[in-house]
Amino acid sequence: MYSRTLRKLTQINCDSWRLLSSFRRVAATELSRRRHCWRSVVALPVFVVARSVACKVAMAKEEENPKRKRTQSKAKYVTTIQGKAPHYLNSLKVRWEQLHEIPGIFAYQLQKTRPNRVLPGKYKFYAELNPDRTLKRRIPQTIENLNPTFKPKQFNFNKVDALEVMMTIDDVDKTEVQMIVNRSPLTRFHTVVCPDVKNNLVQRITAHSLKFCINFMRGLDDIDIRMGYNSPGALASVNHLHFHLLHLPQDLYINHVELEELAGGYVYRLSKSMPTEAICVIFEANDDEAEVQEKVNNLHKLADWMCGQNIPHNLFITPDRRPGKRGNVQVFVFARSQYCVNKDLAEFNVGFCELAGYIPVGDSDKLENLTEPMVIKRIREITGTAPQAVYTRMKQIVNGEDQSIWEQPLTI
């Protein structure tokens, strides 16, 4: 009797425990499910908000930097200098870095980081220390005038070591453009761009060389690459046609100047409120071949005229870094009243770099003591009154007005 009662109580207890365990499992599962749902509901608005913000940022960037529209078919575009430029630039960067590691190719090893200063003031001129260039670069040639003759016995780019030629680009009309390392670099990837080297062209802009440089720049997505040109009397070092390619990631003075329209809807001058003078020709991202050719021809006519008038000049070619202008290229033309015969490597020279707002200096004292007023004063001294005549002449060229009165040499 007692044992039967005990077995019955034990069975009831076991059944109760099983029932309680089942209830706990069901309750735990339900609670877990509800927690997961609650988390999903809470996380959903956060995800939606985050995605919404990301989309708005992307849309804002798209509006600020609209995609470049090709004016040619893709098949034709990829065969042009403009279409091939990104590939050429990437190959050039790799080759430049390789050569920079080989002893004897460069006059000195360019330091990855160099002391620099943004000069205090409104216009933010950027100065950088490069003492090696002052001490170790090749002695610049003396080029007596703007219409020099080629002198094969002097240094020219036919005489560089074959290893210094990073690449040769086949351009239109079976011409070649050599990309040669600058043995005394100002920046990473500093390259001498030499069109038609074997034809022994003097340091005077040709329409073909100008068009090559502009189309090369128009094809790049890298807005840190710039090009420049110094004429005889404007800091040219070698009397053999060449441009410079530089890597300048900094925003420079010239990238933020105010512009006033001068002629044609694409030729501007620096605003009268700016401290320096220059012409700016804008190549739009969507310009077709005819529009590009027209602008190149007018720039070349201006350069030819300046040579005939004994006006030294510099060019600076840069991606348009203003908001909403991605894909445009700006060509700045600086005219000068003073003809510089020799570079004084110990002093503050003015070439296309300095005119654009990038100022390499040779010693630390100059880096520390250079001021914005000093830079502006020096630029104004070499510029003089020449830009005023150039503004008038460029309007004549663009508007197709009578040019006979401009054929007489200008006295400065």
Protein backbone atom coordinates (compact mmCIF):
# COMPACT_ATOMS: atom_id res chain seq x y z
CA MET A 1 0.00 0.00 0.00
CA TYR A 2 2.69 2.47 0.97
CA SER A 3 4.92 1.56 -1.97
CA ARG A 4 2.05 1.99 -4.48
CA THR A 5 1.28 5.44 -3.05
CA LEU A 6 4.99 6.47 -3.24
CA ARG A 7 5.27 5.32 -6.88
CA LYS A 8 2.14 7.32 -7.75
CA LEU A 9 3.48 10.48 -6.09
CA THR A 10 6.82 10.04 -7.86
CA GLN A 11 5.09 9.67 -11.24
CA ILE A 12 3.02 12.81 -10.63
CA ASN A 13 6.17 14.73 -9.68
CA CYS A 14 8.01 13.60 -12.84
CA ASP A 15 5.07 14.55 -15.04
CA SER A 16 4.89 17.95 -13.38
CA TRP A 17 8.64 18.52 -13.94
CA ARG A 18 8.37 17.55 -17.61
CA LEU A 19 5.43 19.91 -18.03
CA LEU A 20 7.35 22.74 -16.36
CA SER A 21 10.44 22.11 -18.56
CA SER A 22 8.33 22.15 -21.72
CA PHE A 23 6.70 25.39 -20.65
CA ARG A 24 10.12 27.01 -20.02
CA ARG A 25 11.40 25.94 -23.45
CA VAL A 26 8.32 27.33 -25.21
CA ALA A 27 8.50 30.57 -23.23
CA ALA A 28 12.21 31.00 -23.99
CA THR A 29 11.66 30.43 -27.71
CA GLU A 30 8.81 32.93 -27.83
CA LEU A 31 10.78 35.52 -25.89
CA SER A 32 13.76 35.09 -28.23
CA ARG A 33 11.52 35.48 -31.27
CA ARG A 34 9.96 38.65 -29.89
CA ARG A 35 13.35 40.11 -28.99
CA HIS A 36 14.60 39.47 -32.54
CA CYS A 37 11.52 41.11 -34.02
CA TRP A 38 11.91 44.09 -31.70
CA ARG A 39 15.55 44.50 -32.68
CA SER A 40 14.67 44.29 -36.37
CA VAL A 41 11.97 46.89 -35.99
CA VAL A 42 14.32 49.20 -34.08
CA ALA A 43 17.23 48.65 -36.50
CA LEU A 44 15.16 49.22 -39.63
CA PRO A 45 14.73 53.00 -39.22
CA VAL A 46 18.45 53.35 -38.41
CA PHE A 47 19.37 51.44 -41.58
CA VAL A 48 16.91 53.47 -43.63
CA VAL A 49 18.25 56.75 -42.21
CA ALA A 50 21.86 55.68 -42.81
CA ARG A 51 21.11 54.62 -46.37
CA SER A 52 19.18 57.83 -46.96
CA VAL A 53 22.10 59.95 -45.76
CA ALA A 54 24.54 57.96 -47.90
CA CYS A 55 22.34 58.40 -50.95
CA LYS A 56 22.06 62.13 -50.36
CA VAL A 57 25.85 62.44 -50.05
CA ALA A 58 26.35 60.42 -53.24
CA MET A 59 23.78 62.53 -55.08
CA ALA A 60 25.45 65.72 -53.87
CA LYS A 61 28.81 64.50 -55.13
CA GLU A 62 27.24 63.53 -58.43
CA GLU A 63 25.80 67.02 -58.78
CA GLU A 64 29.12 68.59 -57.82
CA ASN A 65 31.19 66.34 -60.06
CA PRO A 66 28.97 65.28 -62.96
CA LYS A 67 30.23 62.44 -65.12
CA ARG A 68 32.16 63.53 -68.19
CA LYS A 69 30.22 63.07 -71.42
CA ARG A 70 32.10 61.82 -74.45
CA THR A 71 31.52 63.63 -77.73
CA GLN A 72 32.77 60.57 -79.67
CA SER A 73 31.81 56.92 -79.80
CA LYS A 74 33.54 54.75 -77.22
CA ALA A 75 35.37 52.81 -79.93
CA LYS A 76 36.86 56.01 -81.35
CA TYR A 77 37.44 57.70 -77.97
CA VAL A 78 39.68 54.92 -76.63
CA THR A 79 42.04 55.35 -79.59
CA THR A 80 42.63 59.06 -78.92
CA ILE A 81 45.25 60.66 -76.69
CA GLN A 82 42.44 61.74 -74.41
CA GLY A 83 41.17 58.17 -74.14
CA LYS A 84 44.63 56.67 -73.61
CA ALA A 85 45.88 59.31 -71.16
CA PRO A 86 44.91 57.47 -67.92
CA HIS A 87 46.82 54.36 -69.03
CA TYR A 88 49.86 56.42 -70.04
CA LEU A 89 49.85 58.27 -66.72
CA ASN A 90 49.60 55.09 -64.65
CA SER A 91 52.50 53.54 -66.56
CA LEU A 92 54.51 56.74 -66.19
CA LYS A 93 54.02 56.80 -62.41
CA VAL A 94 55.21 53.21 -62.06
CA ARG A 95 58.24 53.79 -64.28
CA TRP A 96 59.15 57.05 -62.53
CA GLU A 97 59.17 55.34 -59.12
CA GLN A 98 61.32 52.52 -60.50
CA LEU A 99 63.88 54.91 -61.98
CA HIS A 100 63.92 57.01 -58.82
CA GLU A 101 65.37 54.00 -56.97
CA ILE A 102 68.23 53.52 -59.46
CA PRO A 103 71.44 55.39 -58.49
CA GLY A 104 72.67 57.90 -61.05
CA ILE A 105 69.43 58.52 -62.92
CA PHE A 106 68.36 61.50 -60.81
CA ALA A 107 70.64 64.28 -59.62
CA TYR A 108 69.23 63.70 -56.12
CA GLN A 109 66.62 61.65 -54.30
CA LEU A 110 63.44 63.64 -53.83
CA GLN A 111 62.22 63.37 -50.25
CA LYS A 112 58.66 62.07 -49.89
CA THR A 113 57.83 64.80 -47.40
CA ARG A 114 59.47 68.21 -47.59
CA PRO A 115 59.20 71.22 -45.27
CA ASN A 116 56.51 73.58 -46.53
CA ARG A 117 54.35 76.54 -45.57
CA VAL A 118 51.11 78.09 -46.70
CA LEU A 119 52.01 81.77 -46.55
CA PRO A 120 49.72 83.67 -44.17
CA GLY A 121 47.31 85.95 -46.00
CA LYS A 122 44.29 86.00 -48.23
CA TYR A 123 45.67 84.15 -51.26
CA LYS A 124 47.34 81.09 -49.69
CA PHE A 125 50.56 80.87 -51.72
CA TYR A 126 52.24 77.52 -51.07
CA ALA A 127 56.02 77.44 -50.50
CA GLU A 128 58.14 74.28 -50.32
CA LEU A 129 61.79 73.65 -49.48
CA ASN A 130 63.94 71.96 -52.15
CA PRO A 131 67.62 72.78 -51.54
CA ASP A 132 68.92 69.94 -53.73
CA ARG A 133 67.45 71.46 -56.88
CA THR A 134 69.27 74.71 -56.17
CA LEU A 135 72.59 72.97 -55.58
CA LYS A 136 72.57 69.99 -57.94
CA ARG A 137 70.56 70.81 -61.03
CA ARG A 138 72.06 71.32 -64.49
CA ILE A 139 73.16 74.91 -65.13
CA PRO A 140 70.39 76.61 -67.16
CA GLN A 141 71.17 77.74 -70.69
CA THR A 142 71.17 81.37 -71.73
CA ILE A 143 68.48 81.91 -74.38
CA GLU A 144 68.90 85.39 -75.80
CA ASN A 145 65.49 86.01 -77.36
CA LEU A 146 62.03 84.60 -78.09
CA ASN A 147 62.99 83.48 -81.61
CA PRO A 148 66.17 81.50 -80.95
CA THR A 149 67.95 79.10 -83.26
CA PHE A 150 68.59 75.50 -82.30
CA LYS A 151 72.18 74.83 -81.24
CA PRO A 152 72.91 71.10 -81.48
CA LYS A 153 76.17 71.37 -79.54
CA GLN A 154 74.34 72.60 -76.45
CA PHE A 155 72.45 70.22 -74.21
CA ASN A 156 69.18 69.07 -75.76
CA PHE A 157 66.84 66.14 -75.23
CA ASN A 158 68.44 64.08 -77.99
CA LYS A 159 71.37 63.70 -75.59
CA VAL A 160 69.58 62.15 -72.61
CA ASP A 161 70.36 58.58 -71.62
CA ALA A 162 67.93 56.07 -73.13
CA LEU A 163 67.00 54.95 -69.61
CA GLU A 164 65.65 58.43 -68.86
CA VAL A 165 63.00 58.12 -71.57
CA MET A 166 60.10 56.57 -69.66
CA MET A 167 57.87 56.19 -72.70
CA THR A 168 57.31 57.38 -76.25
CA ILE A 169 53.73 58.20 -77.21
CA ASP A 170 52.67 57.97 -80.84
CA ASP A 171 50.49 60.98 -81.51
CA VAL A 172 48.56 61.91 -84.65
CA ASP A 173 50.36 62.54 -87.97
CA LYS A 174 53.02 59.96 -87.06
CA THR A 175 54.63 62.31 -84.55
CA GLU A 176 56.14 61.14 -81.28
CA VAL A 177 56.08 62.64 -77.81
CA GLN A 178 58.76 61.51 -75.38
CA MET A 179 58.13 61.48 -71.64
CA ILE A 180 61.52 62.00 -70.01
CA VAL A 181 62.38 62.07 -66.31
CA ASN A 182 63.35 65.47 -64.96
CA ARG A 183 66.65 64.65 -63.29
CA SER A 184 66.18 67.54 -60.85
CA PRO A 185 62.56 67.05 -59.84
CA LEU A 186 60.37 69.56 -58.08
CA THR A 187 57.68 66.99 -57.27
CA ARG A 188 56.97 63.29 -57.61
CA PHE A 189 56.48 62.22 -61.23
CA HIS A 190 58.14 65.43 -62.50
CA THR A 191 58.41 64.71 -66.21
CA VAL A 192 59.67 66.62 -69.23
CA VAL A 193 57.14 66.32 -72.06
CA CYS A 194 59.05 66.59 -75.35
CA PRO A 195 57.12 66.65 -78.65
CA ASP A 196 58.92 65.81 -81.91
CA VAL A 197 62.32 65.55 -80.22
CA LYS A 198 64.19 64.53 -83.37
CA ASN A 199 62.97 67.58 -85.27
CA ASN A 200 65.04 69.86 -83.00
CA LEU A 201 62.25 72.36 -82.35
CA VAL A 202 63.21 75.43 -80.34
CA GLN A 203 61.43 76.38 -77.11
CA ARG A 204 58.49 77.98 -78.85
CA ILE A 205 54.94 76.59 -78.59
CA THR A 206 53.51 74.82 -81.62
CA ALA A 207 49.79 74.24 -82.15
CA HIS A 208 50.38 70.49 -82.25
CA SER A 209 52.31 70.35 -78.97
CA LEU A 210 49.74 72.54 -77.24
CA LYS A 211 46.87 70.37 -78.43
CA PHE A 212 48.63 67.22 -77.25
CA CYS A 213 49.13 68.60 -73.74
CA ILE A 214 45.56 69.87 -73.46
CA ASN A 215 44.01 66.63 -74.72
CA PHE A 216 46.27 64.61 -72.43
CA MET A 217 45.07 66.65 -69.45
CA ARG A 218 41.43 66.43 -70.58
CA GLY A 219 41.65 62.64 -70.48
CA LEU A 220 42.86 62.40 -66.87
CA ASP A 221 40.76 61.78 -63.79
CA ASP A 222 43.72 62.65 -61.53
CA ILE A 223 43.20 66.32 -60.66
CA ASP A 224 46.62 66.51 -58.97
CA ILE A 225 48.50 66.40 -62.30
CA ARG A 226 49.42 69.77 -63.82
CA MET A 227 51.43 70.91 -66.83
CA GLY A 228 53.43 74.05 -67.43
CA TYR A 229 55.56 75.87 -69.98
CA ASN A 230 58.23 78.56 -69.68
CA SER A 231 59.18 80.52 -72.79
CA PRO A 232 62.66 81.95 -73.38
CA GLY A 233 63.03 84.93 -71.08
CA ALA A 234 60.46 83.42 -68.71
CA LEU A 235 62.68 80.84 -66.99
CA ALA A 236 63.10 78.30 -69.80
CA SER A 237 66.26 76.28 -69.09
CA VAL A 238 66.71 74.38 -72.36
CA ASN A 239 66.19 75.64 -75.92
CA HIS A 240 64.46 72.45 -77.08
CA LEU A 241 60.65 72.35 -77.11
CA HIS A 242 59.32 70.91 -73.86
CA PHE A 243 56.59 71.19 -71.27
CA HIS A 244 56.64 70.05 -67.64
CA LEU A 245 54.31 67.58 -65.94
CA LEU A 246 54.06 67.84 -62.15
CA HIS A 247 52.17 66.19 -59.30
CA LEU A 248 50.70 68.97 -57.13
CA PRO A 249 47.94 67.74 -54.79
CA GLN A 250 47.68 71.11 -53.06
CA ASP A 251 45.00 73.61 -53.95
CA LEU A 252 46.97 76.53 -55.37
CA TYR A 253 46.29 80.24 -55.57
CA ILE A 254 45.39 79.98 -59.26
CA ASN A 255 42.71 77.34 -58.59
CA HIS A 256 40.56 79.83 -56.69
CA VAL A 257 41.06 83.11 -58.54
CA GLU A 258 38.02 85.13 -59.54
CA LEU A 259 37.53 85.35 -63.32
CA GLU A 260 35.94 87.93 -65.62
CA GLU A 261 34.85 87.03 -69.14
CA LEU A 262 37.04 88.54 -71.83
CA ALA A 263 35.79 87.09 -75.15
CA GLY A 264 34.00 84.22 -76.83
CA GLY A 265 32.35 82.77 -73.73
CA TYR A 266 35.50 80.75 -72.95
CA VAL A 267 38.30 83.31 -72.60
CA TYR A 268 38.59 84.99 -69.23
CA ARG A 269 41.01 87.22 -67.40
CA LEU A 270 41.75 87.32 -63.71
CA SER A 271 39.38 89.70 -61.97
CA LYS A 272 40.67 93.20 -61.36
CA SER A 273 40.25 92.45 -57.66
CA MET A 274 43.01 89.80 -57.86
CA PRO A 275 46.63 90.77 -57.13
CA THR A 276 48.08 89.26 -60.33
CA GLU A 277 47.24 89.19 -64.05
CA ALA A 278 46.55 86.33 -66.47
CA ILE A 279 44.33 85.06 -69.25
CA CYS A 280 42.37 81.85 -68.66
CA VAL A 281 41.03 79.73 -71.53
CA ILE A 282 38.56 77.07 -70.39
CA PHE A 283 38.21 73.76 -72.22
CA GLU A 284 34.85 72.32 -71.23
CA ALA A 285 34.48 68.60 -70.54
CA ASN A 286 31.89 68.36 -73.32
CA ASP A 287 33.77 70.36 -75.97
CA ASP A 288 33.78 68.57 -79.31
CA GLU A 289 36.79 68.31 -81.63
CA ALA A 290 35.97 71.52 -83.50
CA GLU A 291 35.62 73.53 -80.28
CA VAL A 292 38.90 72.19 -78.92
CA GLN A 293 40.67 72.99 -82.19
CA GLU A 294 39.30 76.54 -82.23
CA LYS A 295 40.53 77.23 -78.71
CA VAL A 296 43.94 75.66 -79.38
CA ASN A 297 44.34 77.71 -82.56
CA ASN A 298 43.51 80.95 -80.75
CA LEU A 299 45.94 80.15 -77.95
CA HIS A 300 48.64 79.39 -80.49
CA LYS A 301 47.97 82.66 -82.35
CA LEU A 302 48.37 84.51 -79.06
CA ALA A 303 51.64 82.72 -78.27
CA ASP A 304 52.97 83.46 -81.77
CA TRP A 305 52.03 87.10 -81.39
CA MET A 306 53.78 87.34 -78.01
CA CYS A 307 56.95 85.90 -79.54
CA GLY A 308 56.75 88.48 -82.33
CA GLN A 309 56.24 91.25 -79.79
CA ASN A 310 59.13 90.07 -77.56
CA ILE A 311 56.79 89.31 -74.66
CA PRO A 312 58.06 86.41 -72.52
CA HIS A 313 55.26 84.19 -71.28
CA ASN A 314 54.33 81.18 -69.17
CA LEU A 315 51.49 78.67 -69.36
CA PHE A 316 49.91 76.65 -66.58
CA ILE A 317 47.50 73.85 -67.54
CA THR A 318 45.39 72.49 -64.69
CA PRO A 319 42.22 70.53 -64.09
CA ASP A 320 39.45 72.89 -63.06
CA ARG A 321 39.18 72.23 -59.32
CA ARG A 322 36.23 74.53 -58.70
CA PRO A 323 33.00 72.92 -57.43
CA GLY A 324 30.84 71.58 -60.26
CA LYS A 325 33.58 71.99 -62.90
CA ARG A 326 35.02 68.48 -62.90
CA GLY A 327 36.30 67.46 -66.32
CA ASN A 328 37.11 71.02 -67.42
CA VAL A 329 40.70 72.07 -68.07
CA GLN A 330 41.98 75.62 -67.54
CA VAL A 331 44.92 77.05 -69.49
CA PHE A 332 46.37 80.14 -67.82
CA VAL A 333 48.61 82.45 -69.88
CA PHE A 334 50.93 84.83 -68.04
CA ALA A 335 52.60 87.66 -69.97
CA ARG A 336 55.70 89.45 -68.65
CA SER A 337 57.40 92.76 -69.27
CA GLN A 338 60.79 91.67 -67.94
CA TYR A 339 62.99 89.33 -69.97
CA CYS A 340 64.95 87.04 -67.66
CA VAL A 341 68.23 86.06 -69.36
CA ASN A 342 69.75 83.98 -66.55
CA LYS A 343 68.24 82.16 -63.61
CA ASP A 344 69.68 83.22 -60.30
CA LEU A 345 69.34 79.98 -58.38
CA ALA A 346 69.97 81.77 -55.09
CA GLU A 347 67.06 84.16 -55.55
CA PHE A 348 63.30 83.98 -55.88
CA ASN A 349 62.68 83.29 -59.57
CA VAL A 350 59.27 83.46 -61.19
CA GLY A 351 58.20 80.78 -63.66
CA PHE A 352 54.89 79.06 -64.27
CA CYS A 353 55.03 77.37 -60.84
CA GLU A 354 55.36 80.61 -58.91
CA LEU A 355 52.75 82.39 -61.04
CA ALA A 356 50.30 79.59 -60.22
CA GLY A 357 51.03 79.87 -56.50
CA TYR A 358 53.55 77.03 -55.97
CA ILE A 359 56.88 78.43 -54.80
CA PRO A 360 59.91 76.13 -54.44
CA VAL A 361 62.70 77.73 -52.40
CA GLY A 362 66.32 76.73 -51.90
CA ASP A 363 66.98 77.33 -48.22
CA SER A 364 65.11 77.15 -44.94
CA ASP A 365 65.55 80.86 -44.14
CA LYS A 366 63.64 81.82 -47.27
CA LEU A 367 60.95 79.31 -46.45
CA GLU A 368 60.46 80.85 -43.03
CA ASN A 369 60.77 84.49 -44.06
CA LEU A 370 58.84 84.54 -47.34
CA THR A 371 55.59 86.51 -47.12
CA GLU A 372 52.54 86.95 -49.32
CA PRO A 373 53.28 90.66 -50.00
CA MET A 374 56.83 89.72 -51.10
CA VAL A 375 55.48 87.17 -53.59
CA ILE A 376 52.85 89.53 -55.01
CA LYS A 377 55.37 92.37 -55.32
CA ARG A 378 57.85 90.17 -57.19
CA ILE A 379 55.19 88.86 -59.60
CA ARG A 380 53.96 92.38 -60.32
CA GLU A 381 57.52 93.53 -61.02
CA ILE A 382 58.10 90.92 -63.72
CA THR A 383 54.56 91.20 -65.12
CA GLY A 384 54.49 94.98 -65.57
CA THR A 385 52.04 96.31 -68.16
CA ALA A 386 52.34 93.46 -70.67
CA PRO A 387 49.04 91.76 -69.71
CA GLN A 388 46.98 94.78 -70.78
CA ALA A 389 48.18 94.50 -74.38
CA VAL A 390 47.64 90.73 -74.28
CA TYR A 391 44.02 91.12 -73.11
CA THR A 392 43.30 93.41 -76.05
CA ARG A 393 45.10 91.15 -78.51
CA MET A 394 43.25 88.03 -77.35
CA LYS A 395 39.90 89.76 -77.83
CA GLN A 396 41.02 90.70 -81.35
CA ILE A 397 41.90 87.08 -82.11
CA VAL A 398 38.72 85.53 -80.71
CA ASN A 399 36.41 88.12 -82.28
CA GLY A 400 38.19 87.97 -85.65
CA GLU A 401 38.64 91.73 -85.76
CA ASP A 402 41.16 93.62 -87.89
CA GLN A 403 44.62 92.76 -86.66
CA SER A 404 46.83 94.88 -88.91
CA ILE A 405 47.53 97.43 -86.18
CA TRP A 406 48.98 94.63 -84.06
CA GLU A 407 51.67 93.63 -86.52
CA GLN A 408 54.14 96.27 -85.32
CA PRO A 409 56.41 95.20 -82.45
CA LEU A 410 55.28 96.33 -79.02
CA THR A 411 57.69 98.49 -77.03
CA ILE A 412 57.65 97.63 -73.34
